[in-house]
Amino acid sequence: MKRVFIIVLDSFGVGAAPDAAAFGDAGTNTLAACARTGILKIPHLEAAGLGNLDGVTCLKKTDTPRGAYVRLQEMSRGKDTTIGHWEIAGLVSDTPLPTFPDGFPDEVLDAFKCATGRGVLCNKPYSGTQVIADYGEEHLRTGALIVYTSADSVFQIAAHEELVPPETLYEYCRTARKILTGKYAVGRVIARPFIGTPGNFTRTANRHDFSLEAPGDTLLDMVKRAGQSTIAVGKISDIFAGRGVTDARFTHSNREGMEEALKAQKEDFRGLCFVNLVDFDMLCGHRRNPIAYAEALNAFDAWLPSFVGGMREDDLLILTADHGCDPSYAATTDHTREYTPCLFLGPRVRAGSLGTMAGFSQIAATAAACLGVPYTGAGQDLSEKILL
């Protein structure tokens, strides 16, 4: 194979993992929540084999799937974006990243306030849209930054773009990233710019993630080291702290991500194109909006034939997810511990089921084998099972 495209439908889980209860997520199912809306229409994903996955009962099954498919169970100790993507790229995290259900300790905030010259508001787990509604006016009045977290390993900073321009906010995030080390080394520091007036604040598309650097080599490192291209679309470069990336293409929406994927497909490169489509998670799952999630899946499904139709003989497409975020789950607004789908498509793919497997890292091992790249990560190479 000459090119491998991995497209992550961020948070598209397909049912509670066996250890979901330990994460407070028993009974969650992102796909089923979307199906219950009655508006989900994803015939191309169904044709690829999505409905044939183990445990999926809410979609049509097909006797003639167009792809190879497997249900994957995360092995890392977490359910966040960072370690989900690390595992997709071959790195399993046995130790969970730190979370702060009671907010960040004084020694972290004192160092942050000293370095930025600004005060801090909130400092507790919060919904991203609700926190600006509750603290936005005080932020404008005092200039203090809104710092909050969630059940995930994140340090989030919200600021009004007219008071704190995005580039300044990004510098504050870089400052926080340097402070948050050791036992405070959260997976991501996230800039959350917003605009508007009291009672009408809205977040903008200028979000930016500053991730913890992976503790070992990932698929991106290995592909780059082999002299091949690694095109990172969406927040992929942010997630991997830019490491192993030869070409970073930032996007603000699923639509832009899909457009960039099509552009990359038309280019002549050898290597990996790694895409993250963030709207599923950010605008649908976390906002607990099943209708919006189903609509986003419908839009992706309608786009998919244009990509598959443009694939070359030596291309492989892998569709997957990094965790769940059940939009119908009322207990929290956080990610949910779920199985994820993995669909393989392309001219040389042998259709059929691979059942259920432990580890997202099968993706990295298979991609590396297909590209002829020396691989030292976790996971099982499935190339002989999925390719003709």
Protein backbone atom coordinates (compact mmCIF):
# COMPACT_ATOMS: atom_id res chain seq x y z
CA MET A 1 0.00 0.00 0.00
CA LYS A 2 1.16 3.52 -0.73
CA ARG A 3 -1.27 5.58 1.36
CA VAL A 4 -3.29 4.96 4.52
CA PHE A 5 -6.06 7.34 5.58
CA ILE A 6 -7.27 7.12 9.19
CA ILE A 7 -10.42 9.15 9.86
CA VAL A 8 -11.46 9.43 13.50
CA LEU A 9 -15.14 10.17 14.08
CA ASP A 10 -14.37 11.76 17.43
CA SER A 11 -16.46 10.12 20.20
CA PHE A 12 -18.42 7.69 17.98
CA GLY A 13 -18.88 4.82 20.42
CA VAL A 14 -20.94 1.72 19.63
CA GLY A 15 -21.91 0.49 23.09
CA ALA A 16 -20.67 0.28 26.66
CA ALA A 17 -17.33 -1.45 27.13
CA PRO A 18 -17.13 -4.32 29.65
CA ASP A 19 -15.51 -1.98 32.19
CA ALA A 20 -17.90 0.94 31.57
CA ALA A 21 -19.40 0.74 35.05
CA ALA A 22 -15.98 1.41 36.59
CA PHE A 23 -15.97 4.70 34.71
CA GLY A 24 -19.56 5.55 35.67
CA ASP A 25 -20.82 4.80 32.17
CA ALA A 26 -22.86 1.60 32.40
CA GLY A 27 -25.42 1.27 29.63
CA THR A 28 -24.06 4.02 27.41
CA ASN A 29 -24.26 3.70 23.62
CA THR A 30 -23.57 6.66 21.35
CA LEU A 31 -24.70 4.93 18.14
CA ALA A 32 -27.95 3.67 19.69
CA ALA A 33 -28.74 7.15 21.02
CA CYS A 34 -28.44 8.52 17.50
CA ALA A 35 -30.58 5.71 16.08
CA ARG A 36 -33.35 6.42 18.59
CA THR A 37 -33.83 9.89 17.12
CA GLY A 38 -35.52 8.31 14.12
CA ILE A 39 -33.59 10.53 11.70
CA LEU A 40 -30.36 8.53 11.39
CA LYS A 41 -29.76 7.62 7.72
CA ILE A 42 -26.30 6.17 7.14
CA PRO A 43 -26.66 3.62 4.30
CA HIS A 44 -23.02 3.82 3.22
CA LEU A 45 -21.70 3.11 6.71
CA GLU A 46 -24.20 0.25 6.97
CA ALA A 47 -22.99 -1.08 3.62
CA ALA A 48 -19.42 -0.91 4.90
CA GLY A 49 -20.41 -3.22 7.77
CA LEU A 50 -21.19 -0.89 10.67
CA GLY A 51 -24.50 -2.63 11.38
CA ASN A 52 -22.77 -6.02 11.33
CA LEU A 53 -20.46 -5.20 14.23
CA ASP A 54 -20.72 -7.38 17.32
CA GLY A 55 -23.35 -5.99 19.68
CA VAL A 56 -24.90 -3.53 17.22
CA THR A 57 -28.67 -4.10 17.03
CA CYS A 58 -29.95 -0.67 16.02
CA LEU A 59 -28.83 -0.72 12.36
CA LYS A 60 -29.53 -2.82 9.30
CA LYS A 61 -27.20 -5.71 8.71
CA THR A 62 -25.94 -6.59 5.25
CA ASP A 63 -25.12 -9.94 3.71
CA THR A 64 -22.66 -8.29 1.33
CA PRO A 65 -20.51 -5.86 3.35
CA ARG A 66 -18.14 -3.68 1.35
CA GLY A 67 -15.49 -3.53 4.03
CA ALA A 68 -13.72 -5.45 6.73
CA TYR A 69 -14.90 -4.54 10.21
CA VAL A 70 -14.03 -5.12 13.86
CA ARG A 71 -15.29 -3.84 17.21
CA LEU A 72 -12.43 -2.54 19.36
CA GLN A 73 -12.14 -2.28 23.13
CA GLU A 74 -9.83 0.36 24.59
CA MET A 75 -7.02 -1.02 26.73
CA SER A 76 -5.71 2.29 28.10
CA ARG A 77 -6.92 3.47 31.49
CA GLY A 78 -9.05 6.37 30.41
CA LYS A 79 -11.69 7.64 28.03
CA ASP A 80 -10.23 10.91 26.83
CA THR A 81 -9.12 12.16 23.44
CA THR A 82 -5.40 12.13 24.13
CA ILE A 83 -4.91 8.54 25.23
CA GLY A 84 -7.58 7.34 22.78
CA HIS A 85 -5.55 8.74 19.90
CA TRP A 86 -2.29 7.54 21.45
CA GLU A 87 -3.72 4.02 21.48
CA ILE A 88 -4.94 4.32 17.88
CA ALA A 89 -1.33 5.26 17.11
CA GLY A 90 0.03 2.21 18.94
CA LEU A 91 0.75 3.47 22.45
CA VAL A 92 -1.26 1.94 25.31
CA SER A 93 -1.42 3.98 28.54
CA ASP A 94 -1.49 1.75 31.61
CA THR A 95 -1.62 4.73 33.98
CA PRO A 96 -4.58 7.12 33.72
CA LEU A 97 -3.87 10.77 33.16
CA PRO A 98 -4.62 12.91 36.25
CA THR A 99 -8.06 14.44 36.73
CA PHE A 100 -9.14 17.13 39.17
CA PRO A 101 -12.74 16.64 40.31
CA ASP A 102 -12.25 19.26 43.06
CA GLY A 103 -10.41 21.76 40.88
CA PHE A 104 -6.69 22.48 40.61
CA PRO A 105 -4.57 22.95 43.75
CA ASP A 106 -3.32 26.35 44.88
CA GLU A 107 0.27 25.65 43.87
CA VAL A 108 -0.83 25.23 40.23
CA LEU A 109 -3.12 28.25 40.19
CA ASP A 110 -0.68 30.47 42.07
CA ALA A 111 2.05 29.70 39.55
CA PHE A 112 -0.38 30.29 36.68
CA LYS A 113 -1.61 33.62 38.08
CA CYS A 114 1.95 34.78 38.72
CA ALA A 115 3.05 33.89 35.17
CA THR A 116 0.04 35.46 33.40
CA GLY A 117 -0.60 38.42 35.69
CA ARG A 118 -4.31 37.58 35.74
CA GLY A 119 -6.70 36.21 38.32
CA VAL A 120 -8.68 32.97 38.01
CA LEU A 121 -12.42 32.30 38.12
CA CYS A 122 -14.34 29.04 38.63
CA ASN A 123 -11.66 26.30 39.04
CA LYS A 124 -14.01 23.33 39.10
CA PRO A 125 -15.52 20.80 36.69
CA TYR A 126 -18.01 22.58 34.45
CA SER A 127 -19.88 22.43 31.17
CA GLY A 128 -18.06 24.55 28.60
CA THR A 129 -21.15 26.43 27.51
CA GLN A 130 -22.50 26.90 31.03
CA VAL A 131 -19.22 28.16 32.46
CA ILE A 132 -19.13 31.18 30.15
CA ALA A 133 -22.80 31.88 30.91
CA ASP A 134 -22.08 31.83 34.65
CA TYR A 135 -18.68 33.53 34.72
CA GLY A 136 -18.45 35.47 31.47
CA GLU A 137 -19.71 38.77 32.86
CA GLU A 138 -17.35 38.67 35.85
CA HIS A 139 -14.50 37.80 33.48
CA LEU A 140 -15.21 40.93 31.42
CA ARG A 141 -15.47 43.07 34.54
CA THR A 142 -12.33 41.82 36.28
CA GLY A 143 -10.09 40.49 33.52
CA ALA A 144 -9.66 37.21 35.42
CA LEU A 145 -9.44 34.07 33.28
CA ILE A 146 -12.08 31.35 33.49
CA VAL A 147 -10.25 28.14 34.38
CA TYR A 148 -12.20 24.89 34.57
CA THR A 149 -11.90 21.15 34.01
CA SER A 150 -14.13 18.13 33.43
CA ALA A 151 -14.07 14.41 34.14
CA ASP A 152 -11.31 14.27 31.52
CA SER A 153 -7.67 15.18 32.08
CA VAL A 154 -7.95 18.79 30.91
CA PHE A 155 -7.07 22.31 32.05
CA GLN A 156 -9.38 24.61 30.09
CA ILE A 157 -9.08 28.40 29.85
CA ALA A 158 -12.00 30.47 28.56
CA ALA A 159 -11.63 34.14 27.65
CA HIS A 160 -13.57 36.71 25.64
CA GLU A 161 -11.86 37.44 22.34
CA GLU A 162 -12.32 41.20 22.71
CA LEU A 163 -10.60 41.18 26.10
CA VAL A 164 -8.04 38.46 25.46
CA PRO A 165 -7.22 37.96 21.76
CA PRO A 166 -6.88 34.28 20.77
CA GLU A 167 -3.11 34.51 20.26
CA THR A 168 -2.73 35.88 23.80
CA LEU A 169 -4.96 33.12 25.13
CA TYR A 170 -2.77 30.57 23.34
CA GLU A 171 0.28 32.00 25.09
CA TYR A 172 -1.49 31.62 28.44
CA CYS A 173 -2.16 27.98 27.49
CA ARG A 174 1.50 27.42 26.64
CA THR A 175 2.34 28.87 30.04
CA ALA A 176 -0.07 26.46 31.74
CA ARG A 177 1.35 23.57 29.73
CA LYS A 178 4.81 24.26 31.16
CA ILE A 179 3.41 24.41 34.71
CA LEU A 180 1.34 21.23 34.44
CA THR A 181 4.02 18.58 34.74
CA GLY A 182 4.65 15.57 36.98
CA LYS A 183 1.58 14.66 39.02
CA TYR A 184 -0.25 17.60 37.42
CA ALA A 185 0.52 16.58 33.82
CA VAL A 186 -2.97 16.74 32.34
CA GLY A 187 -3.55 15.34 28.89
CA ARG A 188 -4.56 18.65 27.36
CA VAL A 189 -4.59 22.36 28.03
CA ILE A 190 -7.41 23.80 25.93
CA ALA A 191 -8.01 27.39 24.83
CA ARG A 192 -11.75 28.16 24.78
CA PRO A 193 -12.30 31.63 23.24
CA PHE A 194 -15.80 33.09 23.25
CA ILE A 195 -17.64 36.22 22.10
CA GLY A 196 -20.91 37.99 22.80
CA THR A 197 -22.54 39.91 25.61
CA PRO A 198 -23.88 38.84 29.03
CA GLY A 199 -26.75 36.45 28.50
CA ASN A 200 -25.62 35.76 24.96
CA PHE A 201 -22.07 34.39 25.08
CA THR A 202 -21.03 31.82 22.47
CA ARG A 203 -17.81 29.90 21.95
CA THR A 204 -15.91 30.53 18.73
CA ALA A 205 -14.15 28.12 16.39
CA ASN A 206 -10.72 29.33 17.60
CA ARG A 207 -10.28 26.51 20.08
CA HIS A 208 -6.72 25.22 20.32
CA ASP A 209 -5.39 22.18 22.20
CA PHE A 210 -1.96 21.91 23.80
CA SER A 211 -1.36 18.24 24.49
CA LEU A 212 1.00 16.35 26.70
CA GLU A 213 3.72 14.82 24.56
CA ALA A 214 3.35 11.06 24.15
CA PRO A 215 5.68 9.09 26.46
CA GLY A 216 6.84 6.83 23.63
CA ASP A 217 6.98 6.49 19.86
CA THR A 218 3.68 6.54 17.99
CA LEU A 219 2.72 5.53 14.47
CA LEU A 220 3.36 9.12 13.34
CA ASP A 221 6.94 9.00 14.62
CA MET A 222 7.56 5.71 12.86
CA VAL A 223 6.08 6.80 9.52
CA LYS A 224 8.05 10.05 9.57
CA ARG A 225 11.25 8.24 10.55
CA ALA A 226 10.77 5.96 7.54
CA GLY A 227 10.88 9.03 5.30
CA GLN A 228 7.17 9.04 4.50
CA SER A 229 4.59 11.80 4.89
CA THR A 230 2.32 12.26 7.91
CA ILE A 231 -0.49 14.65 7.07
CA ALA A 232 -2.37 15.68 10.23
CA VAL A 233 -5.86 17.10 9.62
CA GLY A 234 -7.95 18.82 12.29
CA LYS A 235 -6.63 18.61 15.85
CA ILE A 236 -4.34 15.62 15.16
CA SER A 237 -1.19 17.75 15.29
CA ASP A 238 -2.37 19.31 18.56
CA ILE A 239 -3.12 15.90 20.08
CA PHE A 240 0.38 14.64 19.30
CA ALA A 241 2.04 17.96 20.24
CA GLY A 242 3.24 18.28 16.66
CA ARG A 243 5.55 15.28 17.01
CA GLY A 244 5.85 13.00 13.99
CA VAL A 245 3.86 15.41 11.82
CA THR A 246 5.24 16.53 8.45
CA ASP A 247 2.20 18.55 7.35
CA ALA A 248 -0.35 20.03 9.80
CA ARG A 249 -3.70 21.18 8.40
CA PHE A 250 -5.92 22.76 11.04
CA THR A 251 -9.69 22.87 10.63
CA HIS A 252 -12.67 24.34 12.47
CA SER A 253 -15.43 21.85 11.63
CA ASN A 254 -16.26 18.42 10.27
CA ARG A 255 -16.98 20.02 6.90
CA GLU A 256 -13.50 21.53 6.71
CA GLY A 257 -11.96 18.25 7.86
CA MET A 258 -13.72 16.31 5.13
CA GLU A 259 -12.69 18.91 2.55
CA GLU A 260 -9.04 18.63 3.64
CA ALA A 261 -9.23 14.84 3.47
CA LEU A 262 -10.42 15.07 -0.14
CA LYS A 263 -7.66 17.54 -0.97
CA ALA A 264 -5.04 15.20 0.49
CA GLN A 265 -6.49 12.30 -1.46
CA LYS A 266 -5.87 14.16 -4.72
CA GLU A 267 -2.20 14.72 -3.84
CA ASP A 268 0.63 12.36 -4.69
CA PHE A 269 2.23 11.37 -1.39
CA ARG A 270 3.38 8.20 0.29
CA GLY A 271 2.47 7.66 3.91
CA LEU A 272 -0.28 8.49 6.39
CA CYS A 273 -3.14 10.99 6.38
CA PHE A 274 -4.62 11.13 9.90
CA VAL A 275 -7.91 13.04 10.25
CA ASN A 276 -9.96 14.02 13.30
CA LEU A 277 -13.57 15.16 12.89
CA VAL A 278 -14.25 17.00 16.13
CA ASP A 279 -17.86 18.18 15.74
CA PHE A 280 -19.28 14.79 16.75
CA ASP A 281 -17.72 15.24 20.18
CA MET A 282 -17.59 19.00 20.73
CA LEU A 283 -20.91 20.12 19.24
CA CYS A 284 -23.02 16.99 19.67
CA GLY A 285 -21.85 14.55 22.33
CA HIS A 286 -20.75 16.98 25.04
CA ARG A 287 -23.81 19.12 24.41
CA ARG A 288 -25.99 16.04 24.83
CA ASN A 289 -27.76 16.63 21.53
CA PRO A 290 -28.73 13.31 19.86
CA ILE A 291 -30.43 15.09 16.96
CA ALA A 292 -27.30 17.07 16.12
CA TYR A 293 -25.17 13.94 16.44
CA ALA A 294 -27.43 11.97 14.09
CA GLU A 295 -27.39 14.85 11.60
CA ALA A 296 -23.59 14.98 11.73
CA LEU A 297 -23.41 11.23 11.04
CA ASN A 298 -25.84 11.64 8.15
CA ALA A 299 -23.64 14.38 6.68
CA PHE A 300 -20.52 12.23 7.00
CA ASP A 301 -22.30 9.27 5.44
CA ALA A 302 -23.44 11.42 2.49
CA TRP A 303 -19.82 12.56 2.00
CA LEU A 304 -18.24 9.11 2.28
CA PRO A 305 -18.93 7.91 -1.32
CA SER A 306 -17.02 10.89 -2.72
CA PHE A 307 -13.94 9.79 -0.81
CA VAL A 308 -14.28 6.05 -1.42
CA GLY A 309 -14.90 6.73 -5.12
CA GLY A 310 -11.61 8.61 -5.36
CA MET A 311 -9.46 5.94 -3.71
CA ARG A 312 -6.55 4.51 -5.66
CA GLU A 313 -5.65 0.85 -5.95
CA ASP A 314 -2.95 1.21 -3.29
CA ASP A 315 -5.05 3.22 -0.78
CA LEU A 316 -6.52 2.01 2.51
CA LEU A 317 -9.18 3.89 4.47
CA ILE A 318 -9.71 3.18 8.18
CA LEU A 319 -12.77 4.69 9.92
CA THR A 320 -12.74 4.58 13.71
CA ALA A 321 -13.23 6.55 16.95
CA ASP A 322 -11.26 7.40 20.08
CA HIS A 323 -13.93 6.93 22.80
CA GLY A 324 -17.67 7.45 23.22
CA CYS A 325 -19.75 10.48 24.17
CA ASP A 326 -23.34 9.26 24.43
CA PRO A 327 -25.51 12.32 23.66
CA SER A 328 -28.44 10.83 25.59
CA TYR A 329 -26.54 10.11 28.81
CA ALA A 330 -27.87 12.44 31.48
CA ALA A 331 -25.55 11.59 34.39
CA THR A 332 -22.69 13.72 33.02
CA THR A 333 -21.73 15.66 29.90
CA ASP A 334 -18.37 13.89 29.69
CA HIS A 335 -16.98 11.15 27.46
CA THR A 336 -18.31 7.63 27.87
CA ARG A 337 -16.32 4.39 28.05
CA GLU A 338 -17.45 2.47 24.96
CA TYR A 339 -16.37 0.08 22.27
CA THR A 340 -15.42 1.81 19.02
CA PRO A 341 -15.96 0.74 15.42
CA CYS A 342 -13.13 0.07 12.99
CA LEU A 343 -14.05 -0.19 9.31
CA PHE A 344 -11.51 -0.91 6.57
CA LEU A 345 -12.36 0.22 3.03
CA GLY A 346 -10.48 0.26 -0.25
CA PRO A 347 -10.05 -1.49 -3.60
CA ARG A 348 -7.91 -4.26 -2.09
CA VAL A 349 -9.92 -4.85 1.11
CA ARG A 350 -11.32 -8.32 1.74
CA ALA A 351 -14.79 -7.82 3.21
CA GLY A 352 -15.88 -9.57 6.37
CA SER A 353 -15.95 -9.62 10.16
CA LEU A 354 -12.99 -9.76 12.50
CA GLY A 355 -15.24 -9.93 15.56
CA THR A 356 -14.21 -8.02 18.68
CA MET A 357 -10.60 -7.31 19.61
CA ALA A 358 -8.85 -5.74 22.57
CA GLY A 359 -6.92 -2.61 21.72
CA PHE A 360 -7.27 0.34 19.36
CA SER A 361 -3.60 -0.31 18.58
CA GLN A 362 -4.56 -2.88 15.92
CA ILE A 363 -5.01 0.19 13.72
CA ALA A 364 -1.42 1.38 14.08
CA ALA A 365 0.07 -2.08 13.63
CA THR A 366 -1.99 -2.63 10.48
CA ALA A 367 -1.29 0.81 9.02
CA ALA A 368 2.46 0.42 9.57
CA ALA A 369 2.48 -3.01 7.93
CA CYS A 370 0.54 -1.71 4.94
CA LEU A 371 3.02 1.13 4.50
CA GLY A 372 6.05 -1.11 4.99
CA VAL A 373 7.15 0.90 8.03
CA PRO A 374 9.17 -0.71 10.86
CA TYR A 375 6.81 -0.89 13.84
CA THR A 376 7.59 -1.17 17.55
CA GLY A 377 4.22 -0.34 19.11
CA ALA A 378 1.39 -2.43 20.54
CA GLY A 379 -1.29 -4.20 18.55
CA GLN A 380 -1.78 -6.95 16.01
CA ASP A 381 -1.16 -6.51 12.30
CA LEU A 382 -4.43 -7.33 10.52
CA SER A 383 -3.20 -6.66 6.99
CA GLU A 384 -3.15 -10.32 5.90
CA LYS A 385 -6.73 -10.72 7.11
CA ILE A 386 -8.16 -7.60 5.49
CA LEU A 387 -6.28 -7.31 2.19
CA LEU A 388 -6.74 -9.37 -0.97
